[in-house]
Amino acid sequence: MADADPTEADFAAHDAAAAAAAEADAHRAGQLSARKTWLRRLAIAVVAIGVLWGGWYFLIGRNHVSTDNAYVNAEMALVTPLVAGQATEVRVKDTQAVKRGDVLVVLDPATSNITLAQAEADLAAARRRFRQARSTSAALAAQVGVSGADIAGARAGLAVAQADFAKASVDLKRREALADSGAVSGDELTAAKRAYAAAQAALAQARAMVVQAEAGKQAAQGQFAANEALVKGSSEETDPAVMAAKARVDDARRDVERAVIRAPIDGIVTRRQVQIGQRVAVGAPIMSIVPVRKLYVDANFKEGQLGRVRVGMPAKVTADIYGGGVVYHGRVAGIGGGTGASMALIPAQNATGNWIKVVQRLPVRIELDPKELAEHPLRLGLSTAVEIDLAGK
C-alpha cells in the first residue's frame, strides 16, 4: 500500500520544528557569546586588578608592614608603702583619675611619731655632749697649765730638800769627826743622824713629787689631746655625732611623711587592694596607677616583616574601640630583644625530632601622639592594628 502524501499540517509541523531548532541554536549561540563576553570582561578585570595590585604593591604595599596582633600597654606605677602601718584612710577607688601628689592612703603615724620624738631627743643629747666636750677642752687646757705650775713647785721643793740634805750630811760628818775626841756629846750625834735621815727622806719625797707632777701634766695633756680630737675642726653642726643624730631625725621625719601615701604619677587607679583598717607591710603592692596619657602599643610582627623596620619610622594605629575612623600617628620607639616564645617563663623545647617550624613574632613598641591620646583616650590591653611606613623617616 502506497504512503499517503504529506499534508499542509505536516509541512507546518516540520517548519515549526525547524524554527524551534533554529531558535534554540540561536539561543545557545547567544549564551555562548555572552559567556565569552563575560569571560573576557572577567579576564580583563582580573588583569586590571592584578595590575592595580602590582602597582599598589610596588608603589605602596612593599613599603608598609602591618599586623593586628597589637595591644595597648603602659609603664604602670606600682604603689607600695615605704613604712608599715594600719590604713586609717583610703581616699581613692578603682577607675578613679588621680594627679601626681594626690593623697591615696593615710597610715596610722603613731609609731613614726614616737620614732621621730626619740630621734629628736638623741639629737639634743648629741648637741649637749658636743658642748660639754668643748667646755671640757677649756678645763683640761687650764689643768695642763696648773700641772706645769705643780711641776715648778715640786722642783722648787726638790731644790730645798737637796739643800737640807746637803746641810744635814755636812753636819753629820762634822759631828762624827769630833765624836772620838769627846767634843760632841752622844745626844748631838744622835740628833745629827736623825736630821740626816729626815733630810734624806724629804729629798726622796721631793723627787717623787716632781715625778708625780710631771706624770700629772702628761695625763692632763693626754686628756686634753683626746678631747681636742673630738671637737677640733668641728662646730656643733658638723660634729659627727650630731650629724648622725640629725640623719636619724630626717629619716624619722620622712617616715612620718611616708605615712601619707601619694600618687607618684598622673593616671587611673587600678587593682586597689587595701581597705580601711588593714595593716600593710613595707613593699607590699596596694594598687597600681595606669598613665593613660603615656600609653604605647606593643605590636607583634612576624619575623619576615621586620627586615626593613628601623627605630624612628612612622606608624599608624587604629583601635578596635573606635574603629577605623580614628587613626593614631606614632613612631617606632624600639624593637624587642627577643621573641615572645624565647621570653616565656617556660620556653618551647623542640628536641624530640618531631619539629615543625613556627613563624615567630617580635614585639615592636610604637609611641603615640599625646595630643591624639588626649582626644581619644585608650586603656591598657585594648586591641589595635598597626601599620609601619618603611619608606618614612
Protein backbone atom coordinates (compact mmCIF):
# COMPACT_ATOMS: atom_id res chain seq x y z
CA MET A 1 0.00 0.00 0.00
CA ALA A 2 1.49 3.34 -1.06
CA ASP A 3 2.34 6.04 1.54
CA ALA A 4 -0.05 8.99 1.90
CA ASP A 5 1.11 12.34 0.61
CA PRO A 6 2.17 14.88 3.26
CA THR A 7 -0.45 17.33 4.18
CA GLU A 8 -0.16 21.01 4.95
CA ALA A 9 -0.30 20.20 8.62
CA ASP A 10 2.79 18.05 8.29
CA PHE A 11 4.61 20.83 6.48
CA ALA A 12 3.55 23.29 9.17
CA ALA A 13 4.77 20.98 11.95
CA HIS A 14 8.05 20.46 10.15
CA ASP A 15 8.50 24.21 9.71
CA ALA A 16 7.70 24.79 13.39
CA ALA A 17 10.22 22.20 14.47
CA ALA A 18 12.85 23.68 12.19
CA ALA A 19 12.11 27.15 13.53
CA ALA A 20 12.33 25.91 17.13
CA ALA A 21 15.65 24.20 16.40
CA ALA A 22 16.97 27.37 14.78
CA GLU A 23 15.78 29.43 17.72
CA ALA A 24 17.46 27.02 20.17
CA ASP A 25 20.67 27.18 18.15
CA ALA A 26 20.47 30.96 18.13
CA HIS A 27 19.85 30.98 21.92
CA ARG A 28 22.81 28.69 22.54
CA ALA A 29 24.96 30.84 20.29
CA GLY A 30 23.80 33.95 22.16
CA GLN A 31 24.55 32.31 25.53
CA LEU A 32 27.97 31.22 24.29
CA SER A 33 28.67 34.74 23.01
CA ALA A 34 27.51 36.27 26.30
CA ARG A 35 29.63 33.80 28.25
CA LYS A 36 32.66 34.64 26.16
CA THR A 37 31.92 38.33 26.69
CA TRP A 38 31.72 37.88 30.48
CA LEU A 39 34.82 35.72 30.50
CA ARG A 40 36.68 38.39 28.54
CA ARG A 41 35.40 41.03 30.96
CA LEU A 42 36.37 38.84 33.93
CA ALA A 43 39.81 38.26 32.46
CA ILE A 44 40.19 41.99 31.84
CA ALA A 45 39.01 42.71 35.41
CA VAL A 46 41.41 40.12 36.84
CA VAL A 47 44.26 41.54 34.79
CA ALA A 48 43.28 45.07 35.79
CA ILE A 49 43.07 44.08 39.45
CA GLY A 50 46.41 42.32 39.15
CA VAL A 51 47.96 45.36 37.51
CA LEU A 52 46.44 47.65 40.13
CA TRP A 53 47.56 45.36 42.94
CA GLY A 54 51.04 45.10 41.43
CA GLY A 55 51.20 48.86 41.07
CA TRP A 56 49.93 49.34 44.61
CA TYR A 57 52.41 46.79 45.97
CA PHE A 58 55.45 48.25 44.16
CA LEU A 59 54.45 51.83 44.91
CA ILE A 60 52.90 51.47 48.36
CA GLY A 61 52.43 47.96 49.68
CA ARG A 62 56.04 46.85 49.74
CA ASN A 63 56.85 49.91 51.83
CA HIS A 64 54.33 49.03 54.53
CA VAL A 65 54.04 46.20 57.03
CA SER A 66 51.04 45.70 59.26
CA THR A 67 49.69 43.49 62.00
CA ASP A 68 46.54 43.22 64.07
CA ASN A 69 48.39 41.35 66.83
CA ALA A 70 48.95 44.55 68.80
CA TYR A 71 47.81 45.74 72.19
CA VAL A 72 47.90 48.93 74.25
CA ASN A 73 50.48 48.86 77.03
CA ALA A 74 52.00 51.27 79.57
CA GLU A 75 54.68 51.63 82.23
CA MET A 76 52.36 51.29 85.21
CA ALA A 77 53.25 52.73 88.60
CA LEU A 78 53.06 50.14 91.38
CA VAL A 79 52.14 51.86 94.65
CA THR A 80 53.88 50.23 97.64
CA PRO A 81 54.15 51.58 101.21
CA LEU A 82 57.61 52.62 102.41
CA VAL A 83 56.57 52.20 106.05
CA ALA A 84 54.40 49.59 107.72
CA GLY A 85 51.18 50.63 109.40
CA GLN A 86 47.42 50.41 109.63
CA ALA A 87 45.38 52.16 106.93
CA THR A 88 43.20 54.79 108.58
CA GLU A 89 42.01 56.42 105.33
CA VAL A 90 41.64 55.17 101.75
CA ARG A 91 40.75 58.13 99.56
CA VAL A 92 40.60 56.55 96.09
CA LYS A 93 38.84 53.70 94.34
CA ASP A 94 39.35 51.73 91.16
CA THR A 95 38.82 53.67 87.88
CA GLN A 96 39.39 56.99 89.67
CA ALA A 97 41.61 59.54 87.93
CA VAL A 98 44.37 61.00 90.11
CA LYS A 99 47.07 63.61 89.73
CA ARG A 100 50.64 63.29 90.87
CA GLY A 101 50.82 64.17 94.57
CA ASP A 102 47.18 63.34 95.35
CA VAL A 103 46.70 61.50 98.66
CA LEU A 104 45.84 57.85 98.09
CA VAL A 105 46.09 56.23 101.53
CA VAL A 106 46.82 57.52 105.04
CA LEU A 107 48.53 55.18 107.54
CA ASP A 108 48.47 55.49 111.33
CA PRO A 109 51.51 57.70 112.14
CA ALA A 110 51.74 56.86 115.88
CA THR A 111 54.80 54.62 115.64
CA SER A 112 56.56 57.02 113.27
CA ASN A 113 55.85 59.95 115.58
CA ILE A 114 57.35 58.08 118.55
CA THR A 115 60.45 57.24 116.50
CA LEU A 116 60.74 60.89 115.47
CA ALA A 117 60.50 62.07 119.08
CA GLN A 118 63.21 59.61 120.13
CA ALA A 119 65.45 60.75 117.26
CA GLU A 120 64.96 64.41 118.21
CA ALA A 121 65.86 63.57 121.83
CA ASP A 122 69.02 61.80 120.64
CA LEU A 123 69.91 64.88 118.59
CA ALA A 124 69.51 67.15 121.61
CA ALA A 125 71.70 64.79 123.66
CA ALA A 126 74.37 64.77 120.94
CA ARG A 127 74.39 68.57 120.85
CA ARG A 128 74.73 68.66 124.64
CA ARG A 129 77.62 66.18 124.56
CA PHE A 130 79.44 68.30 121.99
CA ARG A 131 79.02 71.47 124.03
CA GLN A 132 80.19 69.58 127.11
CA ALA A 133 83.25 68.26 125.26
CA ARG A 134 84.08 71.78 124.11
CA SER A 135 83.82 73.08 127.68
CA THR A 136 85.91 70.15 128.90
CA SER A 137 88.66 71.14 126.48
CA ALA A 138 88.91 74.55 128.14
CA ALA A 139 89.02 72.95 131.59
CA LEU A 140 91.67 70.46 130.50
CA ALA A 141 93.76 73.25 128.98
CA ALA A 142 93.64 75.05 132.34
CA GLN A 143 94.51 71.81 134.08
CA VAL A 144 97.59 71.46 131.85
CA GLY A 145 98.65 74.94 132.96
CA VAL A 146 98.10 74.05 136.61
CA SER A 147 100.13 70.88 136.13
CA GLY A 148 103.01 72.98 134.85
CA ALA A 149 102.84 75.12 137.97
CA ASP A 150 102.74 71.97 140.13
CA ILE A 151 105.93 70.77 138.44
CA ALA A 152 107.63 74.07 139.10
CA GLY A 153 106.58 73.91 142.77
CA ALA A 154 107.72 70.30 143.05
CA ARG A 155 111.09 71.18 141.56
CA ALA A 156 111.47 74.09 143.97
CA GLY A 157 110.63 71.75 146.82
CA LEU A 158 113.21 69.33 145.46
CA ALA A 159 115.87 72.06 145.48
CA VAL A 160 115.04 72.89 149.13
CA ALA A 161 115.15 69.20 150.05
CA GLN A 162 118.51 68.83 148.30
CA ALA A 163 119.92 71.83 150.21
CA ASP A 164 118.60 70.49 153.51
CA PHE A 165 120.05 67.08 152.78
CA ALA A 166 123.44 68.58 151.92
CA LYS A 167 123.45 70.59 155.18
CA ALA A 168 122.37 67.56 157.22
CA SER A 169 125.09 65.48 155.56
CA VAL A 170 127.79 68.07 156.39
CA ASP A 171 126.57 68.40 159.98
CA LEU A 172 126.57 64.66 160.46
CA LYS A 173 130.09 64.27 159.08
CA ARG A 174 131.42 67.10 161.28
CA ARG A 175 129.94 65.61 164.45
CA GLU A 176 131.14 62.13 163.55
CA ALA A 177 134.67 63.53 163.17
CA LEU A 178 134.50 65.16 166.67
CA ALA A 179 132.77 62.26 168.36
CA ASP A 180 136.01 60.36 169.13
CA SER A 181 137.60 63.43 170.79
CA GLY A 182 134.65 63.88 173.12
CA ALA A 183 133.90 67.38 171.82
CA VAL A 184 130.42 66.25 170.70
CA SER A 185 128.06 64.50 173.02
CA GLY A 186 126.22 61.34 172.09
CA ASP A 187 122.89 63.20 172.03
CA GLU A 188 124.18 65.68 169.47
CA LEU A 189 125.46 62.91 167.27
CA THR A 190 122.14 61.12 167.50
CA ALA A 191 120.26 64.32 166.66
CA ALA A 192 122.56 64.88 163.64
CA LYS A 193 121.92 61.37 162.42
CA ARG A 194 118.18 61.87 162.86
CA ALA A 195 118.31 65.17 160.94
CA TYR A 196 120.30 63.50 158.19
CA ALA A 197 117.76 60.67 157.84
CA ALA A 198 114.87 63.15 157.81
CA ALA A 199 116.58 65.26 155.14
CA GLN A 200 117.22 62.15 153.07
CA ALA A 201 113.53 61.12 153.31
CA ALA A 202 112.42 64.65 152.43
CA LEU A 203 114.73 64.60 149.41
CA ALA A 204 113.22 61.28 148.22
CA GLN A 205 109.70 62.66 148.76
CA ALA A 206 110.54 65.82 146.84
CA ARG A 207 111.87 63.78 143.94
CA ALA A 208 108.67 61.67 143.98
CA MET A 209 106.60 64.86 143.96
CA VAL A 210 108.43 66.06 140.86
CA VAL A 211 107.81 62.72 139.12
CA GLN A 212 104.17 62.83 140.18
CA ALA A 213 103.72 66.39 138.96
CA GLU A 214 105.30 65.53 135.60
CA ALA A 215 103.09 62.44 135.29
CA GLY A 216 100.04 64.56 136.16
CA LYS A 217 100.96 67.02 133.45
CA GLN A 218 101.37 64.24 130.89
CA ALA A 219 97.98 62.80 131.86
CA ALA A 220 96.36 66.22 131.59
CA GLN A 221 97.99 66.77 128.21
CA GLY A 222 96.74 63.35 127.03
CA GLN A 223 93.20 64.06 128.17
CA PHE A 224 93.32 67.47 126.54
CA ALA A 225 94.59 66.00 123.25
CA ALA A 226 91.93 63.27 123.32
CA ASN A 227 89.19 65.77 123.97
CA GLU A 228 90.55 68.15 121.33
CA ALA A 229 90.41 65.33 118.79
CA LEU A 230 86.65 65.22 119.40
CA VAL A 231 85.98 68.91 118.95
CA LYS A 232 88.89 70.38 116.97
CA GLY A 233 87.90 71.49 113.47
CA SER A 234 84.21 70.88 114.15
CA SER A 235 81.29 73.03 115.04
CA GLU A 236 78.14 71.90 116.72
CA GLU A 237 76.50 71.38 113.31
CA THR A 238 79.43 69.49 111.77
CA ASP A 239 80.17 67.22 114.72
CA PRO A 240 79.88 63.59 113.51
CA ALA A 241 77.66 62.51 116.39
CA VAL A 242 75.36 65.49 115.84
CA MET A 243 75.26 64.84 112.10
CA ALA A 244 74.38 61.17 112.67
CA ALA A 245 71.60 62.18 115.06
CA LYS A 246 70.31 64.73 112.53
CA ALA A 247 70.26 61.99 109.87
CA ARG A 248 68.16 59.82 112.16
CA VAL A 249 65.80 62.74 112.74
CA ASP A 250 65.48 63.32 108.99
CA ASP A 251 64.84 59.61 108.42
CA ALA A 252 62.20 59.54 111.16
CA ARG A 253 60.57 62.69 109.79
CA ARG A 254 60.49 61.10 106.33
CA ASP A 255 58.78 58.06 107.80
CA VAL A 256 56.12 60.36 109.26
CA GLU A 257 55.64 61.90 105.82
CA ARG A 258 55.57 58.45 104.21
CA ALA A 259 52.59 57.54 106.35
CA VAL A 260 50.67 59.64 103.80
CA ILE A 261 50.92 57.68 100.52
CA ARG A 262 50.63 59.91 97.45
CA ALA A 263 50.23 59.23 93.74
CA PRO A 264 53.62 59.09 92.00
CA ILE A 265 52.18 59.90 88.54
CA ASP A 266 49.02 61.08 86.79
CA GLY A 267 46.72 58.26 85.77
CA ILE A 268 43.85 55.91 86.58
CA VAL A 269 43.75 53.80 89.75
CA THR A 270 43.53 50.05 89.10
CA ARG A 271 43.76 46.91 91.24
CA ARG A 272 43.26 48.63 94.58
CA GLN A 273 44.00 46.03 97.25
CA VAL A 274 43.82 48.00 100.50
CA GLN A 275 40.91 48.56 102.86
CA ILE A 276 40.44 50.78 105.90
CA GLY A 277 41.84 49.08 108.99
CA GLN A 278 44.13 46.80 107.02
CA ARG A 279 47.75 46.64 108.17
CA VAL A 280 50.06 46.99 105.19
CA ALA A 281 53.66 45.81 105.03
CA VAL A 282 56.65 47.61 103.54
CA GLY A 283 56.91 46.87 99.82
CA ALA A 284 53.53 45.10 99.54
CA PRO A 285 51.60 46.40 96.46
CA ILE A 286 48.36 48.10 97.41
CA MET A 287 47.30 49.49 93.99
CA SER A 288 48.52 50.38 90.51
CA ILE A 289 48.22 53.60 88.51
CA VAL A 290 47.98 53.48 84.72
CA PRO A 291 49.35 56.62 82.98
CA VAL A 292 46.64 56.89 80.33
CA ARG A 293 48.34 59.88 78.71
CA LYS A 294 51.60 57.97 78.24
CA LEU A 295 50.33 54.76 76.69
CA TYR A 296 52.11 52.96 73.88
CA VAL A 297 51.39 49.98 71.64
CA ASP A 298 53.27 46.69 71.60
CA ALA A 299 52.81 45.30 68.07
CA ASN A 300 53.88 41.69 67.46
CA PHE A 301 55.18 41.46 63.89
CA LYS A 302 56.17 38.28 62.09
CA GLU A 303 59.90 37.81 61.76
CA GLY A 304 59.69 38.08 57.97
CA GLN A 305 58.18 41.56 58.24
CA LEU A 306 60.96 43.14 60.26
CA GLY A 307 63.88 43.11 57.83
CA ARG A 308 63.47 46.79 56.98
CA VAL A 309 61.88 48.10 60.18
CA ARG A 310 64.01 50.70 61.94
CA VAL A 311 63.60 52.84 65.05
CA GLY A 312 62.00 56.19 64.25
CA MET A 313 59.84 55.05 61.32
CA PRO A 314 56.30 56.50 61.29
CA ALA A 315 53.37 54.25 62.08
CA LYS A 316 49.59 54.41 62.03
CA VAL A 317 47.46 52.77 64.68
CA THR A 318 43.75 52.05 64.78
CA ALA A 319 41.99 50.74 67.86
CA ASP A 320 39.03 48.38 67.88
CA ILE A 321 37.32 50.58 70.46
CA TYR A 322 36.97 53.42 67.93
CA GLY A 323 37.22 51.54 64.64
CA GLY A 324 38.97 52.73 61.50
CA GLY A 325 37.56 56.24 61.79
CA VAL A 326 40.15 57.23 64.39
CA VAL A 327 43.80 56.92 63.34
CA TYR A 328 46.66 57.49 65.77
CA HIS A 329 50.02 58.59 64.46
CA GLY A 330 53.15 57.39 66.15
CA ARG A 331 56.67 56.17 65.56
CA VAL A 332 58.71 53.06 66.17
CA ALA A 333 60.35 53.53 69.58
CA GLY A 334 62.15 50.21 69.79
CA ILE A 335 62.29 46.58 68.72
CA GLY A 336 62.19 43.80 71.27
CA GLY A 337 65.34 41.95 72.23
CA GLY A 338 63.70 38.53 71.87
CA THR A 339 60.59 36.79 70.63
CA GLY A 340 57.63 36.12 72.85
CA ALA A 341 58.44 32.40 72.87
CA SER A 342 62.03 32.94 73.96
CA MET A 343 60.97 35.30 76.74
CA ALA A 344 58.29 32.97 78.09
CA LEU A 345 58.65 31.56 81.60
CA ILE A 346 58.82 28.08 80.04
CA PRO A 347 60.40 28.43 76.56
CA ALA A 348 59.43 25.86 73.93
CA GLN A 349 61.93 23.00 73.54
CA ASN A 350 61.93 21.28 70.13
CA ALA A 351 64.25 18.41 71.00
CA THR A 352 62.01 15.48 70.00
CA GLY A 353 62.89 15.47 66.31
CA ASN A 354 59.20 15.97 65.52
CA TRP A 355 60.00 19.57 64.75
CA ILE A 356 57.69 21.90 62.84
CA LYS A 357 58.81 25.42 62.09
CA VAL A 358 56.57 28.07 63.63
CA VAL A 359 56.76 31.66 62.45
CA GLN A 360 57.96 33.73 65.38
CA ARG A 361 56.78 37.19 66.31
CA LEU A 362 58.86 40.01 67.73
CA PRO A 363 57.37 42.90 69.73
CA VAL A 364 57.79 46.40 68.31
CA ARG A 365 56.99 49.36 70.54
CA ILE A 366 55.02 52.21 68.98
CA GLU A 367 54.89 55.56 70.77
CA LEU A 368 51.67 57.50 70.18
CA ASP A 369 50.99 61.22 69.81
CA PRO A 370 49.94 62.55 73.27
CA LYS A 371 47.51 65.04 71.72
CA GLU A 372 45.69 62.30 69.85
CA LEU A 373 45.63 60.20 73.02
CA ALA A 374 44.06 63.11 74.89
CA GLU A 375 41.39 63.47 72.20
CA HIS A 376 40.62 59.74 72.02
CA PRO A 377 41.73 58.07 75.28
CA LEU A 378 42.79 54.43 75.27
CA ARG A 379 43.02 51.89 78.05
CA LEU A 380 45.55 49.23 78.90
CA GLY A 381 45.19 45.98 76.96
CA LEU A 382 42.93 47.21 74.14
CA SER A 383 43.35 45.56 70.74
CA THR A 384 44.83 47.63 67.91
CA ALA A 385 46.09 47.31 64.35
CA VAL A 386 49.45 48.81 63.40
CA GLU A 387 50.91 49.76 60.04
CA ILE A 388 54.54 50.89 59.72
CA ASP A 389 55.69 53.04 56.79
CA LEU A 390 59.03 51.54 55.76
CA ALA A 391 59.75 54.45 53.44
CA GLY A 392 59.25 57.05 56.14
CA LYS A 393 61.97 58.58 58.27
